[in-house]
C-alpha atoms as a PDB file:
ATOM      1  CA  MET A   1      -5.619   1.787 -14.478  1.00  0.00           C
ATOM      2  CA  ALA A   2      -6.831  -0.694 -16.942  1.00  0.00           C
ATOM      3  CA  ALA A   3     -10.240  -0.799 -15.420  1.00  0.00           C
ATOM      4  CA  VAL A   4     -10.413   3.051 -15.613  1.00  0.00           C
ATOM      5  CA  ASN A   5      -9.454   3.011 -19.297  1.00  0.00           C
ATOM      6  CA  THR A   6     -12.152   0.259 -19.979  1.00  0.00           C
ATOM      7  CA  ALA A   7     -14.745   2.201 -18.180  1.00  0.00           C
ATOM      8  CA  LYS A   8     -13.809   5.336 -20.238  1.00  0.00           C
ATOM      9  CA  LYS A   9     -14.040   3.449 -23.421  1.00  0.00           C
ATOM     10  CA  LEU A  10     -17.405   2.114 -22.470  1.00  0.00           C
ATOM     11  CA  GLN A  11     -18.561   5.590 -21.553  1.00  0.00           C
ATOM     12  CA  ASP A  12     -17.511   6.976 -25.002  1.00  0.00           C
ATOM     13  CA  GLU A  13     -19.230   4.064 -26.892  1.00  0.00           C
ATOM     14  CA  VAL A  14     -22.687   4.740 -25.075  1.00  0.00           C
ATOM     15  CA  THR A  15     -22.522   8.515 -25.514  1.00  0.00           C
ATOM     16  CA  CYS A  16     -24.295  10.234 -28.343  1.00  0.00           C
ATOM     17  CA  PRO A  17     -21.997  12.472 -30.299  1.00  0.00           C
ATOM     18  CA  ILE A  18     -24.611  15.242 -30.556  1.00  0.00           C
ATOM     19  CA  CYS A  19     -26.030  15.647 -27.050  1.00  0.00           C
ATOM     20  CA  LEU A  20     -22.991  13.996 -25.285  1.00  0.00           C
ATOM     21  CA  GLU A  21     -25.460  12.049 -23.043  1.00  0.00           C
ATOM     22  CA  TYR A  22     -26.337   8.318 -22.864  1.00  0.00           C
ATOM     23  CA  PHE A  23     -28.042   7.260 -26.173  1.00  0.00           C
ATOM     24  CA  ASP A  24     -31.730   7.665 -25.787  1.00  0.00           C
ATOM     25  CA  ASP A  25     -33.624   5.368 -28.310  1.00  0.00           C
ATOM     26  CA  PRO A  26     -30.479   4.879 -30.434  1.00  0.00           C
ATOM     27  CA  VAL A  27     -30.748   4.572 -34.174  1.00  0.00           C
ATOM     28  CA  ALA A  28     -28.254   3.676 -36.749  1.00  0.00           C
ATOM     29  CA  LEU A  29     -27.511   4.965 -40.224  1.00  0.00           C
ATOM     30  CA  ASP A  30     -26.191   2.920 -43.142  1.00  0.00           C
ATOM     31  CA  CYS A  31     -22.838   4.190 -42.501  1.00  0.00           C
ATOM     32  CA  ASP A  32     -22.916   2.572 -38.988  1.00  0.00           C
ATOM     33  CA  HIS A  33     -22.867   5.951 -37.168  1.00  0.00           C
ATOM     34  CA  SER A  34     -25.559   5.982 -34.287  1.00  0.00           C
ATOM     35  CA  TYR A  35     -27.369   8.818 -32.608  1.00  0.00           C
ATOM     36  CA  CYS A  36     -30.371   9.451 -30.319  1.00  0.00           C
ATOM     37  CA  ARG A  37     -33.521   9.343 -32.472  1.00  0.00           C
ATOM     38  CA  ALA A  38     -34.501  12.812 -31.168  1.00  0.00           C
ATOM     39  CA  CYS A  39     -31.028  14.299 -31.643  1.00  0.00           C
ATOM     40  CA  ILE A  40     -30.618  13.137 -35.400  1.00  0.00           C
ATOM     41  CA  THR A  41     -34.272  14.053 -36.116  1.00  0.00           C
ATOM     42  CA  GLN A  42     -33.782  17.535 -34.715  1.00  0.00           C
ATOM     43  CA  CYS A  43     -30.602  17.945 -36.679  1.00  0.00           C
ATOM     44  CA  TRP A  44     -32.675  17.100 -39.926  1.00  0.00           C
ATOM     45  CA  GLY A  45     -35.299  19.633 -38.743  1.00  0.00           C
ATOM     46  CA  GLY A  46     -38.187  17.174 -39.178  1.00  0.00           C
ATOM     47  CA  VAL A  47     -38.112  17.295 -42.967  1.00  0.00           C
ATOM     48  CA  THR A  48     -38.091  14.245 -45.298  1.00  0.00           C
ATOM     49  CA  ALA A  49     -35.295  15.489 -47.553  1.00  0.00           C
ATOM     50  CA  ASP A  50     -32.014  13.807 -47.689  1.00  0.00           C
ATOM     51  CA  VAL A  51     -29.263  14.949 -45.363  1.00  0.00           C
ATOM     52  CA  SER A  52     -25.641  14.236 -44.465  1.00  0.00           C
ATOM     53  CA  CYS A  53     -24.359  12.330 -41.483  1.00  0.00           C
ATOM     54  CA  PRO A  54     -22.918  14.850 -38.987  1.00  0.00           C
ATOM     55  CA  GLU A  55     -19.689  12.833 -38.724  1.00  0.00           C
ATOM     56  CA  CYS A  56     -18.857  11.217 -42.110  1.00  0.00           C
ATOM     57  CA  ARG A  57     -20.966  13.610 -44.216  1.00  0.00           C
ATOM     58  CA  ARG A  58     -22.524  10.955 -46.293  1.00  0.00           C
ATOM     59  CA  THR A  59     -26.000  11.550 -47.543  1.00  0.00           C
ATOM     60  CA  PHE A  60     -28.957   9.310 -46.431  1.00  0.00           C
ATOM     61  CA  ALA A  61     -32.681   9.535 -46.529  1.00  0.00           C
ATOM     62  CA  GLN A  62     -34.471   9.994 -43.307  1.00  0.00           C
ATOM     63  CA  GLY A  63     -36.368   6.762 -43.721  1.00  0.00           C
ATOM     64  CA  ASN A  64     -33.116   4.743 -43.553  1.00  0.00           C
ATOM     65  CA  LEU A  65     -33.059   5.174 -39.644  1.00  0.00           C
ATOM     66  CA  ARG A  66     -33.075   1.688 -37.976  1.00  0.00           C
ATOM     67  CA  PRO A  67     -33.249   0.993 -34.222  1.00  0.00           C
ATOM     68  CA  ASP A  68     -29.745   0.071 -32.770  1.00  0.00           C
ATOM     69  CA  ARG A  69     -30.845  -2.673 -30.274  1.00  0.00           C
ATOM     70  CA  LYS A  70     -27.318  -3.868 -29.613  1.00  0.00           C
ATOM     71  CA  LEU A  71     -26.260  -0.320 -28.640  1.00  0.00           C
ATOM     72  CA  ARG A  72     -29.269   0.089 -26.443  1.00  0.00           C
ATOM     73  CA  SER A  73     -28.320  -2.986 -24.440  1.00  0.00           C
ATOM     74  CA  PHE A  74     -24.853  -1.505 -23.947  1.00  0.00           C
ATOM     75  CA  VAL A  75     -26.410   1.683 -22.733  1.00  0.00           C
ATOM     76  CA  ASP A  76     -28.530  -0.269 -20.151  1.00  0.00           C
ATOM     77  CA  MET A  77     -25.450  -2.079 -18.948  1.00  0.00           C
ATOM     78  CA  ALA A  78     -23.572   1.220 -18.534  1.00  0.00           C
ATOM     79  CA  ARG A  79     -26.341   2.703 -16.696  1.00  0.00           C
ATOM     80  CA  GLU A  80     -26.460  -0.454 -14.326  1.00  0.00           C
ATOM     81  CA  LEU A  81     -22.774  -0.205 -13.775  1.00  0.00           C
ATOM     82  CA  GLN A  82     -23.093   3.489 -12.836  1.00  0.00           C
ATOM     83  CA  LEU A  83     -25.892   2.570 -10.449  1.00  0.00           C
ATOM     84  CA  GLN A  84     -23.824  -0.234  -8.874  1.00  0.00           C
ATOM     85  CA  ALA A  85     -20.796   2.318  -8.540  1.00  0.00           C
ATOM     86  CA  GLY A  86     -23.046   4.879  -7.083  1.00  0.00           C
ATOM     87  CA  LYS A  87     -22.266   7.311  -9.859  1.00  0.00           C
ATOM     88  CA  GLU A  88     -25.537   7.827 -11.423  1.00  0.00           C
ATOM     89  CA  PRO A  89     -25.504  11.469 -12.867  1.00  0.00           C
ATOM     90  CA  ALA A  90     -27.929  13.859 -11.375  1.00  0.00           C
ATOM     91  CA  PRO A  91     -31.383  13.881 -13.149  1.00  0.00           C
ATOM     92  CA  GLU A  92     -31.772  16.148 -16.142  1.00  0.00           C
ATOM     93  CA  ARG A  93     -33.655  19.343 -16.046  1.00  0.00           C
ATOM     94  CA  LEU A  94     -37.220  19.082 -17.609  1.00  0.00           C
ATOM     95  CA  CYS A  95     -39.244  21.489 -19.687  1.00  0.00           C
ATOM     96  CA  GLU A  96     -41.851  23.006 -17.441  1.00  0.00           C
ATOM     97  CA  LYS A  97     -44.308  23.007 -20.275  1.00  0.00           C
ATOM     98  CA  HIS A  98     -43.775  19.459 -21.820  1.00  0.00           C
ATOM     99  CA  GLN A  99     -41.846  17.742 -19.026  1.00  0.00           C
ATOM    100  CA  GLU A 100     -39.163  16.691 -21.572  1.00  0.00           C
ATOM    101  CA  PRO A 101     -35.419  16.818 -21.121  1.00  0.00           C
ATOM    102  CA  LEU A 102     -33.862  20.293 -22.048  1.00  0.00           C
ATOM    103  CA  LYS A 103     -31.604  19.139 -25.028  1.00  0.00           C
ATOM    104  CA  LEU A 104     -32.009  21.993 -27.303  1.00  0.00           C
ATOM    105  CA  PHE A 105     -30.708  25.656 -27.059  1.00  0.00           C
ATOM    106  CA  SER A 106     -32.144  28.801 -28.564  1.00  0.00           C
ATOM    107  CA  ARG A 107     -29.308  30.963 -29.599  1.00  0.00           C
ATOM    108  CA  GLU A 108     -31.733  33.842 -30.346  1.00  0.00           C
ATOM    109  CA  ASP A 109     -33.191  33.772 -26.820  1.00  0.00           C
ATOM    110  CA  GLU A 110     -30.133  32.307 -25.176  1.00  0.00           C
ATOM    111  CA  ILE A 111     -32.231  29.615 -23.255  1.00  0.00           C
ATOM    112  CA  PRO A 112     -32.405  25.769 -23.155  1.00  0.00           C
ATOM    113  CA  MET A 113     -35.573  23.987 -24.348  1.00  0.00           C
ATOM    114  CA  CYS A 114     -36.975  20.500 -25.095  1.00  0.00           C
ATOM    115  CA  VAL A 115     -37.423  18.856 -28.525  1.00  0.00           C
ATOM    116  CA  LEU A 116     -41.105  19.567 -28.560  1.00  0.00           C
ATOM    117  CA  CYS A 117     -40.392  23.312 -27.888  1.00  0.00           C
ATOM    118  CA  GLY A 118     -37.801  23.250 -30.713  1.00  0.00           C
ATOM    119  CA  SER A 119     -40.171  21.465 -33.194  1.00  0.00           C
ATOM    120  CA  HIS A 120     -42.902  23.932 -32.495  1.00  0.00           C
ATOM    121  CA  ARG A 121     -40.552  26.902 -33.009  1.00  0.00           C
ATOM    122  CA  ASP A 122     -39.070  25.295 -36.194  1.00  0.00           C
ATOM    123  CA  SER A 123     -42.706  24.836 -37.645  1.00  0.00           C
ATOM    124  CA  CYS A 124     -43.443  28.480 -36.790  1.00  0.00           C
ATOM    125  CA  ARG A 125     -40.264  29.974 -38.118  1.00  0.00           C
ATOM    126  CA  GLY A 126     -39.126  27.588 -40.977  1.00  0.00           C
ATOM    127  CA  SER A 127     -36.434  24.993 -41.028  1.00  0.00           C
ATOM    128  CA  CYS A 128     -33.708  27.536 -41.657  1.00  0.00           C
ATOM    129  CA  ARG A 129     -34.169  28.712 -38.071  1.00  0.00           C
ATOM    130  CA  ARG A 130     -33.549  25.204 -36.551  1.00  0.00           C
ATOM    131  CA  ILE A 131     -32.397  25.440 -32.948  1.00  0.00           C
ATOM    132  CA  PRO A 132     -29.173  23.492 -32.249  1.00  0.00           C
ATOM    133  CA  VAL A 133     -28.836  20.724 -29.764  1.00  0.00           C
ATOM    134  CA  LEU A 134     -28.116  21.975 -26.295  1.00  0.00           C
ATOM    135  CA  LYS A 135     -25.068  19.715 -25.488  1.00  0.00           C
ATOM    136  CA  LEU A 136     -23.728  20.472 -28.915  1.00  0.00           C
ATOM    137  CA  THR A 137     -23.953  24.199 -28.337  1.00  0.00           C
ATOM    138  CA  ILE A 138     -22.378  23.760 -24.968  1.00  0.00           C
ATOM    139  CA  ARG A 139     -19.482  21.885 -26.563  1.00  0.00           C
ATOM    140  CA  GLU A 140     -19.112  24.566 -29.315  1.00  0.00           C
ATOM    141  CA  THR A 141     -19.332  27.425 -26.786  1.00  0.00           C
ATOM    142  CA  LYS A 142     -16.817  25.727 -24.567  1.00  0.00           C
ATOM    143  CA  GLU A 143     -14.459  25.314 -27.543  1.00  0.00           C
ATOM    144  CA  LYS A 144     -14.808  29.070 -28.132  1.00  0.00           C
ATOM    145  CA  LEU A 145     -14.296  29.743 -24.472  1.00  0.00           C
ATOM    146  CA  GLN A 146     -11.273  27.432 -24.507  1.00  0.00           C
ATOM    147  CA  ALA A 147      -9.729  29.398 -27.455  1.00  0.00           C
ATOM    148  CA  GLN A 148     -10.409  32.657 -25.590  1.00  0.00           C
ATOM    149  CA  LEU A 149      -8.799  31.233 -22.467  1.00  0.00           C
ATOM    150  CA  LYS A 150      -5.776  30.111 -24.485  1.00  0.00           C
ATOM    151  CA  THR A 151      -5.508  33.767 -25.835  1.00  0.00           C
ATOM    152  CA  LEU A 152      -5.880  35.198 -22.448  1.00  0.00           C
ATOM    153  CA  ARG A 153      -3.386  32.910 -20.877  1.00  0.00           C
ATOM    154  CA  VAL A 154      -0.856  33.727 -23.528  1.00  0.00           C
ATOM    155  CA  GLU A 155      -1.535  37.378 -22.886  1.00  0.00           C
ATOM    156  CA  ARG A 156      -1.199  36.958 -19.161  1.00  0.00           C
ATOM    157  CA  GLU A 157       2.080  35.061 -19.619  1.00  0.00           C
ATOM    158  CA  LYS A 158       3.364  37.919 -21.683  1.00  0.00           C
ATOM    159  CA  LEU A 159       2.299  40.466 -19.030  1.00  0.00           C
ATOM    160  CA  LEU A 160       3.789  38.248 -16.241  1.00  0.00           C
ATOM    161  CA  GLY A 161       7.062  38.211 -18.185  1.00  0.00           C
ATOM    162  CA  LEU A 162       6.837  41.955 -18.661  1.00  0.00           C
ATOM    163  CA  LYS A 163       6.208  42.413 -14.932  1.00  0.00           C
ATOM    164  CA  VAL A 164       9.154  40.353 -13.983  1.00  0.00           C
ATOM    165  CA  SER A 165      11.339  42.319 -16.524  1.00  0.00           C
ATOM    166  CA  ARG A 166      10.133  45.619 -15.141  1.00  0.00           C
ATOM    167  CA  GLU A 167      10.611  44.485 -11.646  1.00  0.00           C
ATOM    168  CA  GLU A 168      14.127  43.368 -12.422  1.00  0.00           C
ATOM    169  CA  THR A 169      14.901  46.647 -14.182  1.00  0.00           C
ATOM    170  CA  SER A 170      13.404  48.637 -11.380  1.00  0.00           C
ATOM    171  CA  GLN A 171      15.603  46.576  -8.785  1.00  0.00           C
ATOM    172  CA  GLU A 172      18.607  47.311 -10.910  1.00  0.00           C
ATOM    173  CA  HIS A 173      17.917  51.054 -10.942  1.00  0.00           C
ATOM    174  CA  LEU A 174      17.256  50.955  -7.155  1.00  0.00           C
ATOM    175  CA  LYS A 175      20.641  49.255  -6.732  1.00  0.00           C
ATOM    176  CA  GLN A 176      22.347  51.886  -8.755  1.00  0.00           C
ATOM    177  CA  THR A 177      20.712  54.783  -6.880  1.00  0.00           C
ATOM    178  CA  GLN A 178      21.774  53.080  -3.546  1.00  0.00           C
ATOM    179  CA  VAL A 179      25.347  52.841  -4.834  1.00  0.00           C
ATOM    180  CA  GLU A 180      25.140  56.597  -5.918  1.00  0.00           C
ATOM    181  CA  ARG A 181      23.654  57.442  -2.531  1.00  0.00           C
ATOM    182  CA  GLN A 182      26.508  55.735  -0.790  1.00  0.00           C
ATOM    183  CA  LYS A 183      29.043  57.537  -3.048  1.00  0.00           C
ATOM    184  CA  ILE A 184      27.491  60.906  -2.224  1.00  0.00           C
ATOM    185  CA  VAL A 185      27.502  60.262   1.484  1.00  0.00           C
ATOM    186  CA  ALA A 186      31.147  59.147   1.366  1.00  0.00           C
ATOM    187  CA  GLU A 187      32.181  62.059  -0.648  1.00  0.00           C
ATOM    188  CA  PHE A 188      30.393  64.524   1.560  1.00  0.00           C
ATOM    189  CA  GLN A 189      31.750  62.840   4.506  1.00  0.00           C
ATOM    190  CA  GLN A 190      35.329  63.274   3.152  1.00  0.00           C
ATOM    191  CA  LEU A 191      34.435  66.786   2.289  1.00  0.00           C
ATOM    192  CA  ARG A 192      33.334  67.630   5.829  1.00  0.00           C
ATOM    193  CA  GLN A 193      36.514  66.004   7.312  1.00  0.00           C
ATOM    194  CA  PHE A 194      38.594  68.010   4.765  1.00  0.00           C
ATOM    195  CA  LEU A 195      36.751  71.228   5.614  1.00  0.00           C
ATOM    196  CA  GLU A 196      36.966  70.560   9.420  1.00  0.00           C
ATOM    197  CA  GLU A 197      40.738  69.865   9.114  1.00  0.00           C
ATOM    198  CA  GLN A 198      41.209  73.082   7.027  1.00  0.00           C
ATOM    199  CA  GLU A 199      39.023  75.030   9.554  1.00  0.00           C
ATOM    200  CA  ARG A 200      41.216  73.762  12.504  1.00  0.00           C
ATOM    201  CA  LEU A 201      44.430  74.470  10.490  1.00  0.00           C
ATOM    202  CA  LEU A 202      43.403  77.895   9.531  1.00  0.00           C
ATOM    203  CA  LEU A 203      42.134  78.797  13.055  1.00  0.00           C
ATOM    204  CA  ALA A 204      45.216  77.609  14.612  1.00  0.00           C
ATOM    205  CA  GLN A 205      47.367  79.661  12.332  1.00  0.00           C
ATOM    206  CA  LEU A 206      45.115  82.615  12.785  1.00  0.00           C
ATOM    207  CA  LYS A 207      45.300  82.110  16.558  1.00  0.00           C
ATOM    208  CA  LYS A 208      49.316  82.010  16.425  1.00  0.00           C
ATOM    209  CA  LEU A 209      49.265  85.211  14.303  1.00  0.00           C
ATOM    210  CA  ASP A 210      46.933  86.954  16.757  1.00  0.00           C
ATOM    211  CA  LYS A 211      49.371  85.953  19.619  1.00  0.00           C
ATOM    212  CA  GLU A 212      52.276  87.630  17.679  1.00  0.00           C
ATOM    213  CA  LEU A 213      50.247  90.625  16.778  1.00  0.00           C
ATOM    214  CA  VAL A 214      49.178  91.098  20.485  1.00  0.00           C
ATOM    215  CA  ARG A 215      52.782  90.596  21.477  1.00  0.00           C
ATOM    216  CA  LEU A 216      53.986  93.205  18.954  1.00  0.00           C
ATOM    217  CA  GLN A 217      51.224  95.576  20.024  1.00  0.00           C
ATOM    218  CA  THR A 218      52.194  95.239  23.674  1.00  0.00           C
ATOM    219  CA  ASP A 219      55.927  95.839  22.921  1.00  0.00           C
ATOM    220  CA  THR A 220      54.944  98.877  20.726  1.00  0.00           C
ATOM    221  CA  VAL A 221      52.771 100.427  23.231  1.00  0.00           C
ATOM    222  CA  THR A 222      55.271  99.814  26.057  1.00  0.00           C
ATOM    223  CA  LYS A 223      58.016 101.367  23.949  1.00  0.00           C
ATOM    224  CA  LEU A 224      55.885 104.295  22.927  1.00  0.00           C
ATOM    225  CA  SER A 225      54.842 104.874  26.487  1.00  0.00           C
ATOM    226  CA  GLU A 226      58.508 104.910  27.612  1.00  0.00           C
ATOM    227  CA  GLN A 227      59.322 107.342  24.868  1.00  0.00           C
ATOM    228  CA  ILE A 228      56.480 109.569  25.693  1.00  0.00           C
ATOM    229  CA  SER A 229      57.674 109.574  29.307  1.00  0.00           C
ATOM    230  CA  ARG A 230      61.211 110.702  28.310  1.00  0.00           C
ATOM    231  CA  LEU A 231      59.870 113.356  26.074  1.00  0.00           C
ATOM    232  CA  SER A 232      57.707 114.668  28.745  1.00  0.00           C
ATOM    233  CA  GLU A 233      60.695 114.750  31.053  1.00  0.00           C
ATOM    234  CA  GLN A 234      62.731 116.586  28.353  1.00  0.00           C
ATOM    235  CA  ILE A 235      60.028 119.033  27.887  1.00  0.00           C
ATOM    236  CA  ARG A 236      59.773 119.820  31.637  1.00  0.00           C
ATOM    237  CA  GLU A 237      63.495 120.275  31.630  1.00  0.00           C
ATOM    238  CA  LEU A 238      63.496 122.568  28.661  1.00  0.00           C
ATOM    239  CA  GLU A 239      60.614 124.573  30.183  1.00  0.00           C
ATOM    240  CA  GLY A 240      62.632 124.808  33.427  1.00  0.00           C
ATOM    241  CA  LYS A 241      65.757 126.025  31.603  1.00  0.00           C
ATOM    242  CA  CYS A 242      63.676 128.724  29.851  1.00  0.00           C
ATOM    243  CA  GLN A 243      62.466 129.978  33.278  1.00  0.00           C
ATOM    244  CA  LYS A 244      66.014 130.353  34.702  1.00  0.00           C
ATOM    245  CA  PRO A 245      67.792 133.836  34.890  1.00  0.00           C
ATOM    246  CA  ALA A 246      70.222 134.697  32.119  1.00  0.00           C
ATOM    247  CA  SER A 247      73.253 134.032  34.379  1.00  0.00           C
ATOM    248  CA  GLU A 248      72.323 130.437  34.692  1.00  0.00           C
ATOM    249  CA  PHE A 249      70.496 129.938  31.302  1.00  0.00           C
ATOM    250  CA  LEU A 250      73.526 128.987  29.348  1.00  0.00           C
ATOM    251  CA  GLN A 251      74.965 126.640  31.999  1.00  0.00           C
ATOM    252  CA  GLU A 252      74.965 123.004  30.810  1.00  0.00           C
ATOM    253  CA  ILE A 253      72.961 124.124  27.652  1.00  0.00           C
ATOM    254  CA  ARG A 254      75.009 121.860  25.403  1.00  0.00           C
ATOM    255  CA  GLY A 255      74.282 118.677  27.472  1.00  0.00           C
ATOM    256  CA  THR A 256      70.623 119.594  27.580  1.00  0.00           C
ATOM    257  CA  LEU A 257      70.499 119.912  23.691  1.00  0.00           C
ATOM    258  CA  THR A 258      72.494 116.713  23.233  1.00  0.00           C
ATOM    259  CA  ARG A 259      69.881 114.778  25.426  1.00  0.00           C
ATOM    260  CA  CYS A 260      66.901 116.253  23.424  1.00  0.00           C
ATOM    261  CA  GLU A 261      68.425 115.003  20.040  1.00  0.00           C
ATOM    262  CA  LYS A 262      68.901 111.552  21.388  1.00  0.00           C
ATOM    263  CA  VAL A 263      65.311 111.412  22.616  1.00  0.00           C
ATOM    264  CA  ARG A 264      64.037 112.544  19.106  1.00  0.00           C
ATOM    265  CA  ALA A 265      66.228 109.936  17.340  1.00  0.00           C
ATOM    266  CA  GLN A 266      64.653 106.951  19.235  1.00  0.00           C
ATOM    267  CA  GLN A 267      61.485 105.968  16.903  1.00  0.00           C
ATOM    268  CA  PRO A 268      59.310 103.009  17.687  1.00  0.00           C
ATOM    269  CA  GLU A 269      59.759  99.879  15.518  1.00  0.00           C
ATOM    270  CA  GLU A 270      57.336  99.387  12.651  1.00  0.00           C
ATOM    271  CA  MET A 271      55.341  96.074  12.217  1.00  0.00           C
ATOM    272  CA  ALA A 272      57.417  93.439  10.710  1.00  0.00           C
ATOM    273  CA  PRO A 273      56.962  93.003   7.009  1.00  0.00           C
ATOM    274  CA  GLU A 274      56.607  89.212   7.567  1.00  0.00           C
ATOM    275  CA  LEU A 275      53.559  89.763   9.842  1.00  0.00           C
ATOM    276  CA  GLU A 276      51.887  92.100   7.333  1.00  0.00           C
ATOM    277  CA  GLU A 277      52.472  89.591   4.500  1.00  0.00           C
ATOM    278  CA  ARG A 278      50.823  86.864   6.791  1.00  0.00           C
ATOM    279  CA  VAL A 279      47.868  89.064   7.578  1.00  0.00           C
ATOM    280  CA  ARG A 280      47.323  89.782   3.864  1.00  0.00           C
ATOM    281  CA  GLY A 281      47.696  86.011   3.095  1.00  0.00           C
ATOM    282  CA  PHE A 282      44.850  85.121   5.475  1.00  0.00           C
ATOM    283  CA  SER A 283      42.598  87.790   3.932  1.00  0.00           C
ATOM    284  CA  GLN A 284      43.292  86.197   0.542  1.00  0.00           C
ATOM    285  CA  LYS A 285      42.583  82.662   1.922  1.00  0.00           C
ATOM    286  CA  VAL A 286      39.281  83.868   3.226  1.00  0.00           C
ATOM    287  CA  THR A 287      38.391  85.434  -0.131  1.00  0.00           C
ATOM    288  CA  ALA A 288      39.244  82.396  -2.112  1.00  0.00           C
ATOM    289  CA  LEU A 289      37.166  80.237   0.438  1.00  0.00           C
ATOM    290  CA  SER A 290      34.118  82.495  -0.150  1.00  0.00           C
ATOM    291  CA  GLU A 291      34.379  82.238  -3.968  1.00  0.00           C
ATOM    292  CA  SER A 292      34.667  78.540  -3.741  1.00  0.00           C
ATOM    293  CA  LEU A 293      31.584  78.198  -1.580  1.00  0.00           C
ATOM    294  CA  ARG A 294      29.694  80.511  -3.837  1.00  0.00           C
ATOM    295  CA  GLU A 295      30.644  78.307  -6.909  1.00  0.00           C
ATOM    296  CA  PHE A 296      29.587  75.196  -5.011  1.00  0.00           C
ATOM    297  CA  LYS A 297      26.245  76.646  -4.138  1.00  0.00           C
END
């Protein structure tokens, strides 16, 4: 772990703050900050006016640049260590026109370019159109992207939280509807059982009433048939009396009239009031059942 930290510190010490690469021809300012000669020259735009250091903002004249030989030796050591460790970075892309490393970036055209291309463009358009260093532009753009990523991640976390909340709410609603579904099924099951029991009870009562009505009807028909037979017999007897001669007509006339009176006095029984009440009661039950079903529908 200590070796890793030491290598990291060495890497930071030999990296230009502008291009974020190993120092190339490092130069130092009076404030002891060092940069690649090409990087700091490009930042100054090739003019001789005084400028400020990119890090401490102190002002220096361009002629105060001095080679930093000690730093160059450190860069060479770092490169050698990387070669020994087999970690030499991939070769830089070169400008097709000047065969120089692409260390600058045109924000207008959104393309990388070398220092010579940048100097030529600055001379054509003026120092106010200086092209930023490629690595610095990459760093600034990455910072912007990181800020956007942070915002997007926060938004995503909010949406994920909202998704979880909505899913939990939906699950609660589904549980509630399942409970209500079970209640409905149970209620209708009880209702079906109740209706089936009532149906069986009413049909059994109606069947019993039917039997009593059939029995009463049978008894009534039997008695009426017997009464009709007796009356038919009396009619024949009286018709026979009327056909007899006067000398025999009055014989036993009193007994004949008495028997006729008895036959007329024997009337068939009416339907029992209790049975009539039971029939009306069933009719009322059916009417009430129809009204209940109509209200339920």
